[in-house]
């Protein structure tokens, strides 16, 4: 199986974006599952969380999934552990087109 490279940055969005961590590279394998975890700061527990492909600016979002809403593509899920302040995005059945920046 070929591995895929997924680059992502953990962002918290209010009326702009505050980068919580530096961009990170993760590798997944086609037809397998990939879990991406992002920590966030105290005070953002009630904010909506987004997982975007490409750039994720306030008015120009290519949103893959948003907290509290189902994804258009059922392979994507987002869980928000507000006690630990960790958002986890899971992608099942990885495909070549999933490769890229998020």
N, C-alpha and C. Protein backbone atom coordinates (compact mmCIF):
# COMPACT_ATOMS: atom_id res chain seq x y z
N UNK A 1 0.83 -1.17 0.00
CA UNK A 1 0.00 0.00 0.00
C UNK A 1 0.88 1.24 0.00
N UNK A 2 0.45 2.23 -0.74
CA UNK A 2 1.18 3.49 -0.81
C UNK A 2 0.72 4.39 0.32
N UNK A 3 1.70 5.11 0.91
CA UNK A 3 1.28 6.04 1.94
C UNK A 3 0.97 7.39 1.33
N UNK A 4 0.09 8.14 1.98
CA UNK A 4 -0.34 9.45 1.55
C UNK A 4 0.18 10.48 2.54
N UNK A 5 0.54 11.64 2.07
CA UNK A 5 0.98 12.71 2.93
C UNK A 5 -0.16 13.69 3.12
N UNK A 6 -0.50 13.96 4.36
CA UNK A 6 -1.50 14.96 4.68
C UNK A 6 -0.82 16.01 5.55
N UNK A 7 -0.79 17.26 5.09
CA UNK A 7 -0.24 18.36 5.88
C UNK A 7 -1.40 19.09 6.52
N UNK A 8 -1.29 19.40 7.80
CA UNK A 8 -2.37 20.14 8.43
C UNK A 8 -1.82 21.09 9.47
N UNK A 9 -2.58 22.11 9.74
CA UNK A 9 -2.29 23.04 10.81
C UNK A 9 -3.51 23.10 11.71
N UNK A 10 -3.28 23.07 13.00
CA UNK A 10 -4.39 23.21 13.94
C UNK A 10 -4.68 24.69 14.10
N UNK A 11 -5.92 25.05 13.81
CA UNK A 11 -6.33 26.45 13.88
C UNK A 11 -7.57 26.57 14.75
N UNK A 12 -7.68 27.66 15.45
CA UNK A 12 -8.91 27.99 16.16
C UNK A 12 -9.43 29.26 15.50
N UNK A 13 -10.69 29.23 15.07
CA UNK A 13 -11.24 30.36 14.34
C UNK A 13 -12.28 31.09 15.17
N UNK A 14 -12.07 32.37 15.33
CA UNK A 14 -13.10 33.23 15.92
C UNK A 14 -13.47 34.19 14.80
N UNK A 15 -12.95 35.39 14.80
CA UNK A 15 -13.16 36.31 13.69
C UNK A 15 -11.86 36.37 12.91
N UNK A 16 -11.15 35.39 12.82
CA UNK A 16 -9.87 35.26 12.16
C UNK A 16 -9.36 33.91 12.58
N UNK A 17 -8.06 33.75 12.56
CA UNK A 17 -7.52 32.47 12.99
C UNK A 17 -6.32 32.68 13.89
N UNK A 18 -6.27 31.92 14.94
CA UNK A 18 -5.10 31.89 15.81
C UNK A 18 -4.49 30.52 15.64
N UNK A 19 -3.26 30.47 15.18
CA UNK A 19 -2.60 29.18 15.01
C UNK A 19 -2.22 28.67 16.39
N UNK A 20 -2.67 27.48 16.71
CA UNK A 20 -2.40 26.88 18.00
C UNK A 20 -1.11 26.08 17.95
N UNK A 21 -0.79 25.50 16.82
CA UNK A 21 0.41 24.72 16.69
C UNK A 21 1.03 24.96 15.33
N UNK A 22 2.23 24.48 15.15
CA UNK A 22 2.88 24.62 13.85
C UNK A 22 2.33 23.55 12.91
N UNK A 23 2.37 23.80 11.61
CA UNK A 23 1.91 22.77 10.66
C UNK A 23 2.65 21.46 10.89
N UNK A 24 1.93 20.39 10.78
CA UNK A 24 2.47 19.07 11.04
C UNK A 24 2.19 18.17 9.85
N UNK A 25 3.09 17.26 9.58
CA UNK A 25 2.88 16.28 8.53
C UNK A 25 2.47 14.96 9.16
N UNK A 26 1.45 14.36 8.61
CA UNK A 26 1.06 13.02 9.04
C UNK A 26 0.94 12.14 7.80
N UNK A 27 1.18 10.89 7.99
CA UNK A 27 1.10 9.94 6.89
C UNK A 27 0.01 8.94 7.17
N UNK A 28 -0.74 8.61 6.15
CA UNK A 28 -1.74 7.58 6.26
C UNK A 28 -1.59 6.64 5.07
N UNK A 29 -2.29 5.56 5.11
CA UNK A 29 -2.22 4.57 4.04
C UNK A 29 -3.57 4.43 3.37
N UNK A 30 -3.54 4.33 2.06
CA UNK A 30 -4.79 4.17 1.32
C UNK A 30 -5.60 3.02 1.89
N UNK A 31 -6.91 3.24 1.93
CA UNK A 31 -7.89 2.27 2.41
C UNK A 31 -7.84 2.06 3.93
N UNK A 32 -7.05 2.85 4.62
CA UNK A 32 -6.97 2.75 6.08
C UNK A 32 -7.56 4.00 6.72
N UNK A 33 -7.50 4.06 8.03
CA UNK A 33 -8.05 5.18 8.82
C UNK A 33 -6.90 6.06 9.30
N UNK A 34 -7.19 7.37 9.36
CA UNK A 34 -6.22 8.34 9.86
C UNK A 34 -6.94 9.21 10.88
N UNK A 35 -6.34 9.37 12.08
CA UNK A 35 -6.87 10.25 13.11
C UNK A 35 -5.93 11.43 13.27
N UNK A 36 -6.49 12.63 13.22
CA UNK A 36 -5.72 13.87 13.38
C UNK A 36 -6.24 14.56 14.62
N UNK A 37 -5.34 14.81 15.58
CA UNK A 37 -5.73 15.43 16.84
C UNK A 37 -5.14 16.83 16.95
N UNK A 38 -5.97 17.77 17.37
CA UNK A 38 -5.55 19.16 17.56
C UNK A 38 -5.94 19.62 18.95
N UNK A 39 -4.98 20.11 19.69
CA UNK A 39 -5.24 20.70 21.00
C UNK A 39 -5.66 22.15 20.82
N UNK A 40 -6.47 22.65 21.72
CA UNK A 40 -6.81 24.07 21.66
C UNK A 40 -6.78 24.66 23.06
N UNK A 41 -6.69 25.99 23.09
CA UNK A 41 -6.52 26.71 24.35
C UNK A 41 -7.83 26.81 25.13
N UNK A 42 -7.69 27.00 26.44
CA UNK A 42 -8.82 27.23 27.31
C UNK A 42 -9.62 28.43 26.80
N UNK A 43 -10.93 28.32 26.84
CA UNK A 43 -11.79 29.41 26.41
C UNK A 43 -12.44 29.16 25.07
N UNK A 44 -11.96 28.16 24.31
CA UNK A 44 -12.52 27.85 22.99
C UNK A 44 -13.45 26.64 23.02
N UNK A 45 -13.76 26.16 24.22
CA UNK A 45 -14.55 24.93 24.33
C UNK A 45 -15.91 25.03 23.63
N UNK A 46 -16.55 26.17 23.66
CA UNK A 46 -17.89 26.28 23.07
C UNK A 46 -17.87 26.77 21.62
N UNK A 47 -16.70 27.11 21.10
CA UNK A 47 -16.60 27.54 19.70
C UNK A 47 -16.80 26.37 18.75
N UNK A 48 -17.37 26.67 17.57
CA UNK A 48 -17.45 25.65 16.52
C UNK A 48 -16.05 25.32 16.04
N UNK A 49 -15.84 24.07 15.66
CA UNK A 49 -14.55 23.63 15.13
C UNK A 49 -14.78 23.23 13.68
N UNK A 50 -13.82 23.53 12.82
CA UNK A 50 -13.91 23.24 11.39
C UNK A 50 -12.69 22.45 10.95
N UNK A 51 -12.89 21.60 9.97
CA UNK A 51 -11.79 20.92 9.30
C UNK A 51 -11.92 21.29 7.83
N UNK A 52 -10.94 22.04 7.32
CA UNK A 52 -11.00 22.59 5.97
C UNK A 52 -9.90 21.99 5.11
N UNK A 53 -10.17 21.89 3.84
CA UNK A 53 -9.13 21.49 2.90
C UNK A 53 -8.61 22.76 2.24
N UNK A 54 -7.30 22.89 2.18
CA UNK A 54 -6.68 24.11 1.66
C UNK A 54 -6.71 25.18 2.74
N UNK A 55 -6.76 26.42 2.33
CA UNK A 55 -6.80 27.53 3.28
C UNK A 55 -8.17 27.59 3.94
N UNK A 56 -8.22 28.06 5.16
CA UNK A 56 -9.48 28.13 5.91
C UNK A 56 -9.62 29.53 6.48
N UNK A 57 -9.93 30.48 5.62
CA UNK A 57 -10.14 31.85 6.05
C UNK A 57 -11.60 32.05 6.45
N UNK A 58 -11.86 33.09 7.21
CA UNK A 58 -13.20 33.32 7.78
C UNK A 58 -14.30 33.28 6.73
N UNK A 59 -14.14 33.97 5.61
CA UNK A 59 -15.22 34.01 4.63
C UNK A 59 -15.02 33.06 3.45
N UNK A 60 -13.90 32.42 3.35
CA UNK A 60 -13.61 31.57 2.20
C UNK A 60 -13.18 30.20 2.71
N UNK A 61 -14.15 29.40 3.14
CA UNK A 61 -13.84 28.10 3.72
C UNK A 61 -14.25 26.97 2.80
N UNK A 62 -13.36 26.02 2.63
CA UNK A 62 -13.69 24.78 1.95
C UNK A 62 -13.84 23.75 3.07
N UNK A 63 -14.98 23.82 3.77
CA UNK A 63 -15.19 23.03 4.98
C UNK A 63 -15.51 21.59 4.62
N UNK A 64 -14.72 20.68 5.17
CA UNK A 64 -14.96 19.25 5.00
C UNK A 64 -15.97 18.79 6.05
N UNK A 65 -15.79 19.28 7.29
CA UNK A 65 -16.71 18.94 8.38
C UNK A 65 -16.63 20.03 9.44
N UNK A 66 -17.77 20.27 10.11
CA UNK A 66 -17.88 21.25 11.18
C UNK A 66 -18.46 20.55 12.40
N UNK A 67 -18.01 20.94 13.59
CA UNK A 67 -18.55 20.32 14.80
C UNK A 67 -20.06 20.54 14.87
N UNK A 68 -20.76 19.50 15.27
CA UNK A 68 -22.20 19.57 15.39
C UNK A 68 -22.95 19.33 14.09
N UNK A 69 -22.25 19.12 13.00
CA UNK A 69 -22.90 18.89 11.70
C UNK A 69 -22.31 17.63 11.06
N UNK A 70 -23.14 16.89 10.34
CA UNK A 70 -22.59 15.72 9.64
C UNK A 70 -21.78 16.17 8.42
N UNK A 71 -20.79 15.40 8.06
CA UNK A 71 -19.99 15.68 6.88
C UNK A 71 -20.74 15.22 5.64
N UNK A 72 -20.51 15.91 4.52
CA UNK A 72 -21.10 15.46 3.25
C UNK A 72 -20.53 14.11 2.87
N UNK A 73 -19.25 13.92 3.15
CA UNK A 73 -18.58 12.65 2.88
C UNK A 73 -18.51 11.89 4.21
N UNK A 74 -19.22 10.79 4.31
CA UNK A 74 -19.33 10.02 5.56
C UNK A 74 -18.00 9.45 6.04
N UNK A 75 -16.96 9.52 5.23
CA UNK A 75 -15.65 9.03 5.66
C UNK A 75 -15.01 9.95 6.69
N UNK A 76 -15.51 11.18 6.83
CA UNK A 76 -14.95 12.16 7.74
C UNK A 76 -15.83 12.29 8.98
N UNK A 77 -15.19 12.34 10.15
CA UNK A 77 -15.93 12.60 11.39
C UNK A 77 -15.09 13.53 12.25
N UNK A 78 -15.77 14.31 13.09
CA UNK A 78 -15.09 15.25 13.98
C UNK A 78 -15.69 15.10 15.37
N UNK A 79 -14.82 14.88 16.35
CA UNK A 79 -15.26 14.84 17.74
C UNK A 79 -14.50 15.90 18.52
N UNK A 80 -15.17 16.51 19.48
CA UNK A 80 -14.60 17.57 20.28
C UNK A 80 -14.67 17.18 21.74
N UNK A 81 -13.53 16.87 22.33
CA UNK A 81 -13.45 16.56 23.75
C UNK A 81 -13.17 17.87 24.48
N UNK A 82 -14.24 18.53 24.96
CA UNK A 82 -14.09 19.85 25.57
C UNK A 82 -13.39 19.79 26.93
N UNK A 83 -13.40 18.64 27.59
CA UNK A 83 -12.70 18.50 28.87
C UNK A 83 -11.20 18.49 28.65
N UNK A 84 -10.74 17.72 27.66
CA UNK A 84 -9.31 17.65 27.35
C UNK A 84 -8.88 18.74 26.37
N UNK A 85 -9.87 19.45 25.78
CA UNK A 85 -9.64 20.48 24.76
C UNK A 85 -8.86 19.91 23.57
N UNK A 86 -9.43 18.83 23.02
CA UNK A 86 -8.83 18.16 21.87
C UNK A 86 -9.92 17.90 20.83
N UNK A 87 -9.66 18.33 19.60
CA UNK A 87 -10.54 18.01 18.48
C UNK A 87 -9.86 16.88 17.71
N UNK A 88 -10.63 15.84 17.39
CA UNK A 88 -10.10 14.73 16.61
C UNK A 88 -10.91 14.61 15.33
N UNK A 89 -10.21 14.63 14.21
CA UNK A 89 -10.84 14.39 12.91
C UNK A 89 -10.36 13.02 12.45
N UNK A 90 -11.29 12.19 12.07
CA UNK A 90 -10.98 10.85 11.57
C UNK A 90 -11.38 10.77 10.11
N UNK A 91 -10.50 10.18 9.32
CA UNK A 91 -10.78 9.93 7.90
C UNK A 91 -10.64 8.43 7.71
N UNK A 92 -11.71 7.79 7.26
CA UNK A 92 -11.65 6.35 7.00
C UNK A 92 -11.52 6.14 5.49
N UNK A 93 -11.07 4.97 5.12
CA UNK A 93 -10.94 4.61 3.70
C UNK A 93 -10.18 5.70 2.93
N UNK A 94 -8.97 6.01 3.39
CA UNK A 94 -8.16 7.06 2.75
C UNK A 94 -8.02 6.80 1.25
N UNK A 95 -8.08 7.89 0.50
CA UNK A 95 -7.98 7.83 -0.96
C UNK A 95 -6.90 8.80 -1.43
N UNK A 96 -6.43 8.60 -2.62
CA UNK A 96 -5.39 9.46 -3.19
C UNK A 96 -5.82 10.92 -3.16
N UNK A 97 -7.08 11.21 -3.43
CA UNK A 97 -7.54 12.60 -3.45
C UNK A 97 -7.58 13.24 -2.07
N UNK A 98 -7.38 12.45 -1.01
CA UNK A 98 -7.33 13.01 0.35
C UNK A 98 -5.97 13.64 0.63
N UNK A 99 -4.99 13.34 -0.17
CA UNK A 99 -3.66 13.91 0.03
C UNK A 99 -3.73 15.42 -0.14
N UNK A 100 -3.02 16.15 0.69
CA UNK A 100 -2.98 17.59 0.54
C UNK A 100 -2.90 18.33 1.85
N UNK A 101 -3.13 19.63 1.78
CA UNK A 101 -3.05 20.52 2.93
C UNK A 101 -4.44 20.74 3.50
N UNK A 102 -4.55 20.64 4.81
CA UNK A 102 -5.81 20.86 5.52
C UNK A 102 -5.63 21.92 6.57
